[in-house]
Amino acid sequence: MKHGYPNDRWTLVLVMQLIDRRFGVSYSIVNVRRLLNSMGIRWQLLGPLRKRR
């Protein structure tokens, strides 16, 4: 468990919430993306973990 979350998959919303909770600073999702980009942190879109039959 990382920072109280059940797995290692981070979304922009989770990062936004963590920044707000930890530092008391509110960012929009767009600004979180810009902040991460400026730090050289990239993300990838993930598909479903497993296809359902």
PDB file of N, CA and C in Angstrom:
ATOM      1  N   MET A   1       0.847  -1.175   0.000  1.00  0.00           N
ATOM      2  CA  MET A   1       0.000   0.000   0.000  1.00  0.00           C
ATOM      3  C   MET A   1       0.896   1.243   0.000  1.00  0.00           C
ATOM      4  N   LYS A   2       0.698   2.109  -0.950  1.00  0.00           N
ATOM      5  CA  LYS A   2       1.491   3.324  -1.083  1.00  0.00           C
ATOM      6  C   LYS A   2       0.648   4.540  -0.731  1.00  0.00           C
ATOM      7  N   HIS A   3       1.053   5.298   0.263  1.00  0.00           N
ATOM      8  CA  HIS A   3       0.352   6.520   0.674  1.00  0.00           C
ATOM      9  C   HIS A   3      -1.129   6.266   0.939  1.00  0.00           C
ATOM     10  N   GLY A   4      -1.459   5.090   1.439  1.00  0.00           N
ATOM     11  CA  GLY A   4      -2.839   4.783   1.772  1.00  0.00           C
ATOM     12  C   GLY A   4      -3.683   4.264   0.629  1.00  0.00           C
ATOM     13  N   TYR A   5      -3.075   4.071  -0.544  1.00  0.00           N
ATOM     14  CA  TYR A   5      -3.809   3.553  -1.697  1.00  0.00           C
ATOM     15  C   TYR A   5      -3.507   2.067  -1.858  1.00  0.00           C
ATOM     16  N   PRO A   6      -4.470   1.291  -2.338  1.00  0.00           N
ATOM     17  CA  PRO A   6      -4.322  -0.165  -2.352  1.00  0.00           C
ATOM     18  C   PRO A   6      -3.334  -0.729  -3.368  1.00  0.00           C
ATOM     19  N   ASN A   7      -2.896   0.072  -4.351  1.00  0.00           N
ATOM     20  CA  ASN A   7      -1.969  -0.477  -5.343  1.00  0.00           C
ATOM     21  C   ASN A   7      -1.036   0.617  -5.845  1.00  0.00           C
ATOM     22  N   ASP A   8      -0.190   0.276  -6.802  1.00  0.00           N
ATOM     23  CA  ASP A   8       0.799   1.211  -7.323  1.00  0.00           C
ATOM     24  C   ASP A   8       0.333   1.957  -8.570  1.00  0.00           C
ATOM     25  N   ARG A   9      -0.926   1.860  -8.911  1.00  0.00           N
ATOM     26  CA  ARG A   9      -1.443   2.557 -10.088  1.00  0.00           C
ATOM     27  C   ARG A   9      -1.892   3.954  -9.681  1.00  0.00           C
ATOM     28  N   TRP A  10      -1.205   4.932 -10.213  1.00  0.00           N
ATOM     29  CA  TRP A  10      -1.507   6.318  -9.877  1.00  0.00           C
ATOM     30  C   TRP A  10      -2.226   6.982 -11.035  1.00  0.00           C
ATOM     31  N   THR A  11      -3.306   7.653 -10.729  1.00  0.00           N
ATOM     32  CA  THR A  11      -4.009   8.445 -11.722  1.00  0.00           C
ATOM     33  C   THR A  11      -3.735   9.914 -11.408  1.00  0.00           C
ATOM     34  N   LEU A  12      -4.056  10.776 -12.353  1.00  0.00           N
ATOM     35  CA  LEU A  12      -3.883  12.202 -12.104  1.00  0.00           C
ATOM     36  C   LEU A  12      -4.744  12.655 -10.925  1.00  0.00           C
ATOM     37  N   VAL A  13      -5.919  12.073 -10.788  1.00  0.00           N
ATOM     38  CA  VAL A  13      -6.807  12.430  -9.676  1.00  0.00           C
ATOM     39  C   VAL A  13      -6.171  12.038  -8.344  1.00  0.00           C
ATOM     40  N   LEU A  14      -5.573  10.844  -8.276  1.00  0.00           N
ATOM     41  CA  LEU A  14      -4.921  10.424  -7.039  1.00  0.00           C
ATOM     42  C   LEU A  14      -3.739  11.324  -6.695  1.00  0.00           C
ATOM     43  N   VAL A  15      -2.955  11.696  -7.693  1.00  0.00           N
ATOM     44  CA  VAL A  15      -1.825  12.598  -7.461  1.00  0.00           C
ATOM     45  C   VAL A  15      -2.344  13.957  -6.989  1.00  0.00           C
ATOM     46  N   MET A  16      -3.411  14.440  -7.611  1.00  0.00           N
ATOM     47  CA  MET A  16      -4.022  15.707  -7.223  1.00  0.00           C
ATOM     48  C   MET A  16      -4.478  15.666  -5.766  1.00  0.00           C
ATOM     49  N   GLN A  17      -5.107  14.579  -5.355  1.00  0.00           N
ATOM     50  CA  GLN A  17      -5.579  14.427  -3.979  1.00  0.00           C
ATOM     51  C   GLN A  17      -4.411  14.343  -2.995  1.00  0.00           C
ATOM     52  N   LEU A  18      -3.367  13.627  -3.377  1.00  0.00           N
ATOM     53  CA  LEU A  18      -2.204  13.495  -2.502  1.00  0.00           C
ATOM     54  C   LEU A  18      -1.523  14.843  -2.289  1.00  0.00           C
ATOM     55  N   ILE A  19      -1.358  15.620  -3.353  1.00  0.00           N
ATOM     56  CA  ILE A  19      -0.746  16.953  -3.232  1.00  0.00           C
ATOM     57  C   ILE A  19      -1.587  17.828  -2.311  1.00  0.00           C
ATOM     58  N   ASP A  20      -2.893  17.783  -2.476  1.00  0.00           N
ATOM     59  CA  ASP A  20      -3.779  18.586  -1.641  1.00  0.00           C
ATOM     60  C   ASP A  20      -3.689  18.165  -0.184  1.00  0.00           C
ATOM     61  N   ARG A  21      -3.728  16.869   0.069  1.00  0.00           N
ATOM     62  CA  ARG A  21      -3.694  16.351   1.436  1.00  0.00           C
ATOM     63  C   ARG A  21      -2.346  16.600   2.105  1.00  0.00           C
ATOM     64  N   ARG A  22      -1.277  16.384   1.363  1.00  0.00           N
ATOM     65  CA  ARG A  22       0.057  16.465   1.961  1.00  0.00           C
ATOM     66  C   ARG A  22       0.571  17.897   2.082  1.00  0.00           C
ATOM     67  N   PHE A  23       0.286  18.741   1.071  1.00  0.00           N
ATOM     68  CA  PHE A  23       0.857  20.088   1.047  1.00  0.00           C
ATOM     69  C   PHE A  23      -0.180  21.199   1.197  1.00  0.00           C
ATOM     70  N   GLY A  24      -1.470  20.840   1.158  1.00  0.00           N
ATOM     71  CA  GLY A  24      -2.511  21.839   1.296  1.00  0.00           C
ATOM     72  C   GLY A  24      -2.620  22.760   0.088  1.00  0.00           C
ATOM     73  N   VAL A  25      -2.211  22.254  -1.084  1.00  0.00           N
ATOM     74  CA  VAL A  25      -2.249  23.027  -2.322  1.00  0.00           C
ATOM     75  C   VAL A  25      -3.174  22.310  -3.292  1.00  0.00           C
ATOM     76  N   SER A  26      -4.122  23.054  -3.853  1.00  0.00           N
ATOM     77  CA  SER A  26      -5.071  22.466  -4.792  1.00  0.00           C
ATOM     78  C   SER A  26      -4.666  22.787  -6.227  1.00  0.00           C
ATOM     79  N   TYR A  27      -4.559  21.750  -7.035  1.00  0.00           N
ATOM     80  CA  TYR A  27      -4.267  21.883  -8.457  1.00  0.00           C
ATOM     81  C   TYR A  27      -5.394  21.246  -9.254  1.00  0.00           C
ATOM     82  N   SER A  28      -5.618  21.747 -10.458  1.00  0.00           N
ATOM     83  CA  SER A  28      -6.549  21.087 -11.368  1.00  0.00           C
ATOM     84  C   SER A  28      -5.820  19.887 -11.981  1.00  0.00           C
ATOM     85  N   ILE A  29      -6.569  19.008 -12.613  1.00  0.00           N
ATOM     86  CA  ILE A  29      -5.965  17.843 -13.258  1.00  0.00           C
ATOM     87  C   ILE A  29      -4.985  18.287 -14.345  1.00  0.00           C
ATOM     88  N   VAL A  30      -5.361  19.317 -15.090  1.00  0.00           N
ATOM     89  CA  VAL A  30      -4.482  19.823 -16.149  1.00  0.00           C
ATOM     90  C   VAL A  30      -3.152  20.300 -15.558  1.00  0.00           C
ATOM     91  N   ASN A  31      -3.222  21.010 -14.439  1.00  0.00           N
ATOM     92  CA  ASN A  31      -1.990  21.508 -13.827  1.00  0.00           C
ATOM     93  C   ASN A  31      -1.167  20.406 -13.180  1.00  0.00           C
ATOM     94  N   VAL A  32      -1.809  19.368 -12.684  1.00  0.00           N
ATOM     95  CA  VAL A  32      -1.062  18.216 -12.167  1.00  0.00           C
ATOM     96  C   VAL A  32      -0.292  17.565 -13.309  1.00  0.00           C
ATOM     97  N   ARG A  33      -0.936  17.416 -14.464  1.00  0.00           N
ATOM     98  CA  ARG A  33      -0.263  16.842 -15.635  1.00  0.00           C
ATOM     99  C   ARG A  33       0.940  17.709 -16.032  1.00  0.00           C
ATOM    100  N   ARG A  34       0.756  19.017 -16.044  1.00  0.00           N
ATOM    101  CA  ARG A  34       1.858  19.931 -16.389  1.00  0.00           C
ATOM    102  C   ARG A  34       2.987  19.834 -15.376  1.00  0.00           C
ATOM    103  N   LEU A  35       2.628  19.764 -14.099  1.00  0.00           N
ATOM    104  CA  LEU A  35       3.631  19.644 -13.043  1.00  0.00           C
ATOM    105  C   LEU A  35       4.452  18.364 -13.215  1.00  0.00           C
ATOM    106  N   LEU A  36       3.765  17.246 -13.437  1.00  0.00           N
ATOM    107  CA  LEU A  36       4.466  15.975 -13.631  1.00  0.00           C
ATOM    108  C   LEU A  36       5.346  16.018 -14.876  1.00  0.00           C
ATOM    109  N   ASN A  37       4.836  16.603 -15.954  1.00  0.00           N
ATOM    110  CA  ASN A  37       5.636  16.728 -17.177  1.00  0.00           C
ATOM    111  C   ASN A  37       6.891  17.556 -16.933  1.00  0.00           C
ATOM    112  N   SER A  38       6.747  18.645 -16.176  1.00  0.00           N
ATOM    113  CA  SER A  38       7.902  19.509 -15.904  1.00  0.00           C
ATOM    114  C   SER A  38       8.960  18.796 -15.070  1.00  0.00           C
ATOM    115  N   MET A  39       8.531  17.776 -14.316  1.00  0.00           N
ATOM    116  CA  MET A  39       9.454  16.996 -13.498  1.00  0.00           C
ATOM    117  C   MET A  39      10.002  15.797 -14.266  1.00  0.00           C
ATOM    118  N   GLY A  40       9.588  15.641 -15.516  1.00  0.00           N
ATOM    119  CA  GLY A  40      10.053  14.524 -16.327  1.00  0.00           C
ATOM    120  C   GLY A  40       9.329  13.219 -16.050  1.00  0.00           C
ATOM    121  N   ILE A  41       8.205  13.301 -15.348  1.00  0.00           N
ATOM    122  CA  ILE A  41       7.431  12.098 -15.027  1.00  0.00           C
ATOM    123  C   ILE A  41       6.380  11.906 -16.113  1.00  0.00           C
ATOM    124  N   ARG A  42       6.379  10.745 -16.716  1.00  0.00           N
ATOM    125  CA  ARG A  42       5.436  10.418 -17.777  1.00  0.00           C
ATOM    126  C   ARG A  42       4.466   9.352 -17.279  1.00  0.00           C
ATOM    127  N   TRP A  43       3.345   9.253 -17.935  1.00  0.00           N
ATOM    128  CA  TRP A  43       2.355   8.255 -17.575  1.00  0.00           C
ATOM    129  C   TRP A  43       1.985   7.468 -18.821  1.00  0.00           C
ATOM    130  N   GLN A  44       1.313   6.386 -18.601  1.00  0.00           N
ATOM    131  CA  GLN A  44       0.836   5.592 -19.729  1.00  0.00           C
ATOM    132  C   GLN A  44      -0.613   5.223 -19.476  1.00  0.00           C
ATOM    133  N   LEU A  45      -1.336   5.074 -20.542  1.00  0.00           N
ATOM    134  CA  LEU A  45      -2.716   4.642 -20.428  1.00  0.00           C
ATOM    135  C   LEU A  45      -2.723   3.130 -20.310  1.00  0.00           C
ATOM    136  N   LEU A  46      -3.473   2.642 -19.352  1.00  0.00           N
ATOM    137  CA  LEU A  46      -3.535   1.205 -19.129  1.00  0.00           C
ATOM    138  C   LEU A  46      -4.883   0.675 -19.586  1.00  0.00           C
ATOM    139  N   GLY A  47      -4.842  -0.446 -20.245  1.00  0.00           N
ATOM    140  CA  GLY A  47      -6.075  -1.111 -20.649  1.00  0.00           C
ATOM    141  C   GLY A  47      -6.580  -1.969 -19.507  1.00  0.00           C
ATOM    142  N   PRO A  48      -7.604  -2.746 -19.773  1.00  0.00           N
ATOM    143  CA  PRO A  48      -8.115  -3.635 -18.725  1.00  0.00           C
ATOM    144  C   PRO A  48      -7.049  -4.654 -18.322  1.00  0.00           C
ATOM    145  N   LEU A  49      -7.055  -5.009 -17.049  1.00  0.00           N
ATOM    146  CA  LEU A  49      -6.076  -5.986 -16.572  1.00  0.00           C
ATOM    147  C   LEU A  49      -6.268  -7.345 -17.252  1.00  0.00           C
ATOM    148  N   ARG A  50      -7.520  -7.693 -17.456  1.00  0.00           N
ATOM    149  CA  ARG A  50      -7.809  -8.998 -18.016  1.00  0.00           C
ATOM    150  C   ARG A  50      -9.110  -8.904 -18.795  1.00  0.00           C
ATOM    151  N   LYS A  51      -9.141  -9.494 -19.939  1.00  0.00           N
ATOM    152  CA  LYS A  51     -10.381  -9.482 -20.731  1.00  0.00           C
ATOM    153  C   LYS A  51     -11.397 -10.423 -20.119  1.00  0.00           C
ATOM    154  N   ARG A  52     -12.606  -9.961 -20.066  1.00  0.00           N
ATOM    155  CA  ARG A  52     -13.686 -10.817 -19.544  1.00  0.00           C
ATOM    156  C   ARG A  52     -14.286 -11.613 -20.692  1.00  0.00           C
ATOM    157  N   ARG A  53     -14.714 -12.818 -20.407  1.00  0.00           N
ATOM    158  CA  ARG A  53     -15.323 -13.674 -21.434  1.00  0.00           C
ATOM    159  C   ARG A  53     -16.802 -13.557 -21.419  1.00  0.00           C
TER     160      ARG A  53
END
